[in-house]
Amino acid sequence: MFGSATWLFGKAFRIRYLNSNNIRFHEELRVHEDSYFLSLAMAYTDKVRKITAGVTYLWRYNGKSMTRRNDGIYAYEQAVQFINAVDLSFIRISRDNPSQMPYKTVQFTMYNYFSMHTPEWMADDKKEYRDKAEMAFAQMLQKYAQYYENAPDDFIRGVYNEERAKMFSLGIETETFYDWFKRITS
């Protein structure tokens, strides 16, 4: 895929591809606009190439940036807005390219499960943010439940294993996926 699907850096797009698929930043989003954009960009093609020759991007760390202020609390404060941005992309993808929705729905479900079970998210001082994010995700998932419910078990297990390998090398889940899923969707 594109590596990280939440950050725009390190990616290049053919303008013809963006124009022919009407892929633009969402005018209502002020945060996580890149998540929306990338979700669409990945939904309309399977022609992704990885450039491996040389340095293609230079990044400068700024400890005082918006995303790093207050020990990185931004990621927790903006989790609901991130879910909203993905929801906006799902609205369009489910209309224009519904064949992508089973994978996208299951993948985003697993992403949220593993994200919200990292040691950082499980800290007591993040409980309020985690509760709000879980509620927002559960509400969003209701709209796309048929994609998850109709996915074969082996498909779900495969996506679970993909996401676990990408995201969860730092610890062990304190709540099983099925317990978490039941809790937030009940």
C-alpha atoms as a PDB file:
ATOM      1  CA  MET A   1       0.000   0.000   0.000  1.00  0.00           C
ATOM      2  CA  PHE A   2       1.113   3.559   0.668  1.00  0.00           C
ATOM      3  CA  GLY A   3       2.906   2.896   3.929  1.00  0.00           C
ATOM      4  CA  SER A   4       1.115   5.152   6.339  1.00  0.00           C
ATOM      5  CA  ALA A   5      -2.394   5.943   5.188  1.00  0.00           C
ATOM      6  CA  THR A   6      -2.779   8.846   7.571  1.00  0.00           C
ATOM      7  CA  TRP A   7       0.037  11.149   6.512  1.00  0.00           C
ATOM      8  CA  LEU A   8       0.468  12.706   3.127  1.00  0.00           C
ATOM      9  CA  PHE A   9       4.233  13.016   3.205  1.00  0.00           C
ATOM     10  CA  GLY A  10       6.307  10.585   1.174  1.00  0.00           C
ATOM     11  CA  LYS A  11       3.691  10.094  -1.533  1.00  0.00           C
ATOM     12  CA  ALA A  12       3.322  11.316  -5.097  1.00  0.00           C
ATOM     13  CA  PHE A  13       0.240  11.195  -7.288  1.00  0.00           C
ATOM     14  CA  ARG A  14      -0.396  11.608 -10.973  1.00  0.00           C
ATOM     15  CA  ILE A  15      -2.557  14.678 -11.419  1.00  0.00           C
ATOM     16  CA  ARG A  16      -4.462  12.851 -14.159  1.00  0.00           C
ATOM     17  CA  TYR A  17      -5.412  10.137 -11.642  1.00  0.00           C
ATOM     18  CA  LEU A  18      -6.565  12.662  -9.037  1.00  0.00           C
ATOM     19  CA  ASN A  19      -8.567  14.647 -11.591  1.00  0.00           C
ATOM     20  CA  SER A  20     -10.196  11.634 -13.245  1.00  0.00           C
ATOM     21  CA  ASN A  21     -11.360  10.364  -9.840  1.00  0.00           C
ATOM     22  CA  ASN A  22     -12.185  13.821  -8.457  1.00  0.00           C
ATOM     23  CA  ILE A  23      -9.918  13.270  -5.465  1.00  0.00           C
ATOM     24  CA  ARG A  24      -9.584  16.457  -3.466  1.00  0.00           C
ATOM     25  CA  PHE A  25      -9.236  17.468   0.151  1.00  0.00           C
ATOM     26  CA  HIS A  26     -12.619  17.692   1.850  1.00  0.00           C
ATOM     27  CA  GLU A  27     -13.659  21.315   2.250  1.00  0.00           C
ATOM     28  CA  GLU A  28     -15.147  20.736   5.723  1.00  0.00           C
ATOM     29  CA  LEU A  29     -12.051  19.153   7.261  1.00  0.00           C
ATOM     30  CA  ARG A  30      -9.433  21.222   9.053  1.00  0.00           C
ATOM     31  CA  VAL A  31      -7.675  18.288  10.727  1.00  0.00           C
ATOM     32  CA  HIS A  32      -7.121  14.818   9.282  1.00  0.00           C
ATOM     33  CA  GLU A  33      -7.783  16.115   5.800  1.00  0.00           C
ATOM     34  CA  ASP A  34      -4.847  13.984   4.644  1.00  0.00           C
ATOM     35  CA  SER A  35      -6.509  10.838   6.047  1.00  0.00           C
ATOM     36  CA  TYR A  36      -9.605  11.574   3.991  1.00  0.00           C
ATOM     37  CA  PHE A  37      -7.570  12.289   0.865  1.00  0.00           C
ATOM     38  CA  LEU A  38      -5.411   9.165   1.191  1.00  0.00           C
ATOM     39  CA  SER A  39      -8.370   6.917   1.902  1.00  0.00           C
ATOM     40  CA  LEU A  40      -9.879   8.021  -1.401  1.00  0.00           C
ATOM     41  CA  ALA A  41      -6.585   7.821  -3.271  1.00  0.00           C
ATOM     42  CA  MET A  42      -6.119   4.217  -2.166  1.00  0.00           C
ATOM     43  CA  ALA A  43      -9.705   3.222  -2.975  1.00  0.00           C
ATOM     44  CA  TYR A  44      -9.642   3.937  -6.680  1.00  0.00           C
ATOM     45  CA  THR A  45      -6.523   2.115  -7.832  1.00  0.00           C
ATOM     46  CA  ASP A  46      -4.399  -0.941  -7.341  1.00  0.00           C
ATOM     47  CA  LYS A  47      -1.516   0.630  -9.261  1.00  0.00           C
ATOM     48  CA  VAL A  48       0.728   1.692  -6.410  1.00  0.00           C
ATOM     49  CA  ARG A  49       4.464   1.870  -6.924  1.00  0.00           C
ATOM     50  CA  LYS A  50       7.120   2.155  -4.280  1.00  0.00           C
ATOM     51  CA  ILE A  51      10.157   4.318  -4.973  1.00  0.00           C
ATOM     52  CA  THR A  52      13.196   2.870  -3.241  1.00  0.00           C
ATOM     53  CA  ALA A  53      16.051   4.769  -4.872  1.00  0.00           C
ATOM     54  CA  GLY A  54      17.501   7.515  -2.716  1.00  0.00           C
ATOM     55  CA  VAL A  55      16.044  10.042  -0.334  1.00  0.00           C
ATOM     56  CA  THR A  56      12.648  11.278  -1.489  1.00  0.00           C
ATOM     57  CA  TYR A  57      11.557  13.223   1.578  1.00  0.00           C
ATOM     58  CA  LEU A  58      13.301  15.145   4.327  1.00  0.00           C
ATOM     59  CA  TRP A  59      11.507  15.592   7.607  1.00  0.00           C
ATOM     60  CA  ARG A  60      12.429  17.976  10.355  1.00  0.00           C
ATOM     61  CA  TYR A  61      11.369  17.184  13.893  1.00  0.00           C
ATOM     62  CA  ASN A  62       9.722  20.079  15.711  1.00  0.00           C
ATOM     63  CA  GLY A  63       9.052  19.280  19.341  1.00  0.00           C
ATOM     64  CA  LYS A  64       6.820  22.357  19.628  1.00  0.00           C
ATOM     65  CA  SER A  65       4.532  21.481  16.729  1.00  0.00           C
ATOM     66  CA  MET A  66       0.782  21.214  17.178  1.00  0.00           C
ATOM     67  CA  THR A  67       0.927  17.406  17.146  1.00  0.00           C
ATOM     68  CA  ARG A  68       3.668  17.235  19.778  1.00  0.00           C
ATOM     69  CA  ARG A  69       2.510  19.876  22.252  1.00  0.00           C
ATOM     70  CA  ASN A  70       1.631  18.719  25.756  1.00  0.00           C
ATOM     71  CA  ASP A  71       3.387  15.378  25.348  1.00  0.00           C
ATOM     72  CA  GLY A  72       1.496  14.538  22.139  1.00  0.00           C
ATOM     73  CA  ILE A  73      -2.014  14.887  23.567  1.00  0.00           C
ATOM     74  CA  TYR A  74      -3.166  16.061  20.111  1.00  0.00           C
ATOM     75  CA  ALA A  75      -3.462  12.473  18.876  1.00  0.00           C
ATOM     76  CA  TYR A  76      -5.921  11.703  21.647  1.00  0.00           C
ATOM     77  CA  GLU A  77      -7.823  14.984  21.442  1.00  0.00           C
ATOM     78  CA  GLN A  78      -8.302  14.620  17.685  1.00  0.00           C
ATOM     79  CA  ALA A  79      -9.197  10.907  17.542  1.00  0.00           C
ATOM     80  CA  VAL A  80     -12.893  11.645  17.020  1.00  0.00           C
ATOM     81  CA  GLN A  81     -12.065  14.028  14.162  1.00  0.00           C
ATOM     82  CA  PHE A  82      -9.883  11.317  12.593  1.00  0.00           C
ATOM     83  CA  ILE A  83     -12.805   8.880  12.724  1.00  0.00           C
ATOM     84  CA  ASN A  84     -15.030  11.579  11.184  1.00  0.00           C
ATOM     85  CA  ALA A  85     -12.560  12.094   8.321  1.00  0.00           C
ATOM     86  CA  VAL A  86     -12.497   8.379   7.574  1.00  0.00           C
ATOM     87  CA  ASP A  87     -16.293   8.274   7.772  1.00  0.00           C
ATOM     88  CA  LEU A  88     -16.499  11.024   5.152  1.00  0.00           C
ATOM     89  CA  SER A  89     -14.244   9.007   2.869  1.00  0.00           C
ATOM     90  CA  PHE A  90     -16.322   5.867   3.468  1.00  0.00           C
ATOM     91  CA  ILE A  91     -19.491   7.716   2.449  1.00  0.00           C
ATOM     92  CA  ARG A  92     -17.980   8.431  -0.928  1.00  0.00           C
ATOM     93  CA  ILE A  93     -16.253   5.078  -1.381  1.00  0.00           C
ATOM     94  CA  SER A  94     -19.392   3.108  -0.490  1.00  0.00           C
ATOM     95  CA  ARG A  95     -21.227   5.081  -3.170  1.00  0.00           C
ATOM     96  CA  ASP A  96     -18.551   5.071  -5.904  1.00  0.00           C
ATOM     97  CA  ASN A  97     -16.503   1.938  -5.270  1.00  0.00           C
ATOM     98  CA  PRO A  98     -18.378  -0.350  -2.860  1.00  0.00           C
ATOM     99  CA  SER A  99     -16.159  -3.338  -3.642  1.00  0.00           C
ATOM    100  CA  GLN A 100     -13.495  -1.637  -1.494  1.00  0.00           C
ATOM    101  CA  MET A 101     -15.724  -1.374   1.547  1.00  0.00           C
ATOM    102  CA  PRO A 102     -15.400  -4.860   3.063  1.00  0.00           C
ATOM    103  CA  TYR A 103     -11.639  -4.500   3.358  1.00  0.00           C
ATOM    104  CA  LYS A 104     -11.764  -0.849   4.400  1.00  0.00           C
ATOM    105  CA  THR A 105     -14.395  -1.500   7.074  1.00  0.00           C
ATOM    106  CA  VAL A 106     -12.646  -4.522   8.559  1.00  0.00           C
ATOM    107  CA  GLN A 107      -9.217  -2.853   8.346  1.00  0.00           C
ATOM    108  CA  PHE A 108     -10.418   0.334  10.049  1.00  0.00           C
ATOM    109  CA  THR A 109     -12.108  -1.734  12.743  1.00  0.00           C
ATOM    110  CA  MET A 110      -8.868  -3.584  13.450  1.00  0.00           C
ATOM    111  CA  TYR A 111      -6.871  -0.353  13.283  1.00  0.00           C
ATOM    112  CA  ASN A 112      -9.090   1.183  15.961  1.00  0.00           C
ATOM    113  CA  TYR A 113      -8.936  -1.908  18.134  1.00  0.00           C
ATOM    114  CA  PHE A 114      -5.148  -2.035  18.106  1.00  0.00           C
ATOM    115  CA  SER A 115      -4.745   1.741  18.389  1.00  0.00           C
ATOM    116  CA  MET A 116      -6.973   1.920  21.415  1.00  0.00           C
ATOM    117  CA  HIS A 117      -5.142  -0.958  23.090  1.00  0.00           C
ATOM    118  CA  THR A 118      -1.614   0.372  22.897  1.00  0.00           C
ATOM    119  CA  PRO A 119      -0.054   1.057  26.282  1.00  0.00           C
ATOM    120  CA  GLU A 120      -0.303   4.818  25.629  1.00  0.00           C
ATOM    121  CA  TRP A 121      -4.049   4.695  24.902  1.00  0.00           C
ATOM    122  CA  MET A 122      -4.665   2.358  27.851  1.00  0.00           C
ATOM    123  CA  ALA A 123      -3.154   4.816  30.341  1.00  0.00           C
ATOM    124  CA  ASP A 124      -5.637   6.050  32.942  1.00  0.00           C
ATOM    125  CA  ASP A 125      -5.199   9.676  31.872  1.00  0.00           C
ATOM    126  CA  LYS A 126      -6.394   8.771  28.334  1.00  0.00           C
ATOM    127  CA  LYS A 127      -9.643   7.075  29.404  1.00  0.00           C
ATOM    128  CA  GLU A 128     -11.847  10.070  28.544  1.00  0.00           C
ATOM    129  CA  TYR A 129     -10.328  10.312  25.048  1.00  0.00           C
ATOM    130  CA  ARG A 130     -10.546   6.543  24.537  1.00  0.00           C
ATOM    131  CA  ASP A 131     -14.214   6.483  25.589  1.00  0.00           C
ATOM    132  CA  LYS A 132     -15.092   9.309  23.186  1.00  0.00           C
ATOM    133  CA  ALA A 133     -13.158   7.677  20.331  1.00  0.00           C
ATOM    134  CA  GLU A 134     -14.780   4.297  20.939  1.00  0.00           C
ATOM    135  CA  MET A 135     -18.235   5.883  20.965  1.00  0.00           C
ATOM    136  CA  ALA A 136     -17.548   7.783  17.722  1.00  0.00           C
ATOM    137  CA  PHE A 137     -16.161   4.666  16.079  1.00  0.00           C
ATOM    138  CA  ALA A 138     -19.130   2.527  17.192  1.00  0.00           C
ATOM    139  CA  GLN A 139     -21.557   5.100  15.754  1.00  0.00           C
ATOM    140  CA  MET A 140     -19.646   5.182  12.499  1.00  0.00           C
ATOM    141  CA  LEU A 141     -19.477   1.397  12.288  1.00  0.00           C
ATOM    142  CA  GLN A 142     -23.279   1.159  12.468  1.00  0.00           C
ATOM    143  CA  LYS A 143     -23.450   2.730   9.004  1.00  0.00           C
ATOM    144  CA  TYR A 144     -21.110   0.124   7.510  1.00  0.00           C
ATOM    145  CA  ALA A 145     -22.068  -2.898   9.619  1.00  0.00           C
ATOM    146  CA  GLN A 146     -23.164  -4.970   6.628  1.00  0.00           C
ATOM    147  CA  TYR A 147     -19.625  -4.954   5.240  1.00  0.00           C
ATOM    148  CA  TYR A 148     -18.212  -6.276   8.484  1.00  0.00           C
ATOM    149  CA  GLU A 149     -21.039  -8.725   9.170  1.00  0.00           C
ATOM    150  CA  ASN A 150     -20.834 -10.235   5.667  1.00  0.00           C
ATOM    151  CA  ALA A 151     -17.064 -10.645   5.716  1.00  0.00           C
ATOM    152  CA  PRO A 152     -15.897 -14.268   6.002  1.00  0.00           C
ATOM    153  CA  ASP A 153     -14.194 -15.214   9.268  1.00  0.00           C
ATOM    154  CA  ASP A 154     -10.919 -16.114   7.527  1.00  0.00           C
ATOM    155  CA  PHE A 155     -10.895 -12.694   5.842  1.00  0.00           C
ATOM    156  CA  ILE A 156     -11.407 -10.961   9.205  1.00  0.00           C
ATOM    157  CA  ARG A 157      -8.637 -13.072  10.772  1.00  0.00           C
ATOM    158  CA  GLY A 158      -6.300 -12.182   7.911  1.00  0.00           C
ATOM    159  CA  VAL A 159      -6.890  -8.445   8.298  1.00  0.00           C
ATOM    160  CA  TYR A 160      -6.587  -8.804  12.085  1.00  0.00           C
ATOM    161  CA  ASN A 161      -3.167 -10.415  11.642  1.00  0.00           C
ATOM    162  CA  GLU A 162      -2.059  -7.737   9.144  1.00  0.00           C
ATOM    163  CA  GLU A 163      -2.977  -4.927  11.508  1.00  0.00           C
ATOM    164  CA  ARG A 164      -1.541  -6.661  14.557  1.00  0.00           C
ATOM    165  CA  ALA A 165       1.778  -7.126  12.782  1.00  0.00           C
ATOM    166  CA  LYS A 166       1.831  -3.445  11.748  1.00  0.00           C
ATOM    167  CA  MET A 167       0.685  -1.871  14.965  1.00  0.00           C
ATOM    168  CA  PHE A 168       0.973  -3.970  18.031  1.00  0.00           C
ATOM    169  CA  SER A 169       4.550  -4.979  18.639  1.00  0.00           C
ATOM    170  CA  LEU A 170       4.700  -3.041  21.910  1.00  0.00           C
ATOM    171  CA  GLY A 171       2.483  -5.137  24.112  1.00  0.00           C
ATOM    172  CA  ILE A 172      -0.330  -7.563  24.470  1.00  0.00           C
ATOM    173  CA  GLU A 173      -4.011  -6.817  24.298  1.00  0.00           C
ATOM    174  CA  THR A 174      -5.714  -6.439  27.663  1.00  0.00           C
ATOM    175  CA  GLU A 175      -9.116  -7.112  26.087  1.00  0.00           C
ATOM    176  CA  THR A 176      -9.765  -9.553  23.261  1.00  0.00           C
ATOM    177  CA  PHE A 177     -10.945  -8.150  19.970  1.00  0.00           C
ATOM    178  CA  TYR A 178     -14.305  -9.899  20.293  1.00  0.00           C
ATOM    179  CA  ASP A 179     -14.840  -8.586  23.836  1.00  0.00           C
ATOM    180  CA  TRP A 180     -13.943  -5.054  22.704  1.00  0.00           C
ATOM    181  CA  PHE A 181     -16.161  -5.270  19.628  1.00  0.00           C
ATOM    182  CA  LYS A 182     -19.103  -6.559  21.675  1.00  0.00           C
ATOM    183  CA  ARG A 183     -18.588  -3.885  24.319  1.00  0.00           C
ATOM    184  CA  ILE A 184     -18.508  -0.932  21.934  1.00  0.00           C
ATOM    185  CA  THR A 185     -21.299  -2.144  19.660  1.00  0.00           C
ATOM    186  CA  SER A 186     -23.775  -3.154  22.388  1.00  0.00           C
END
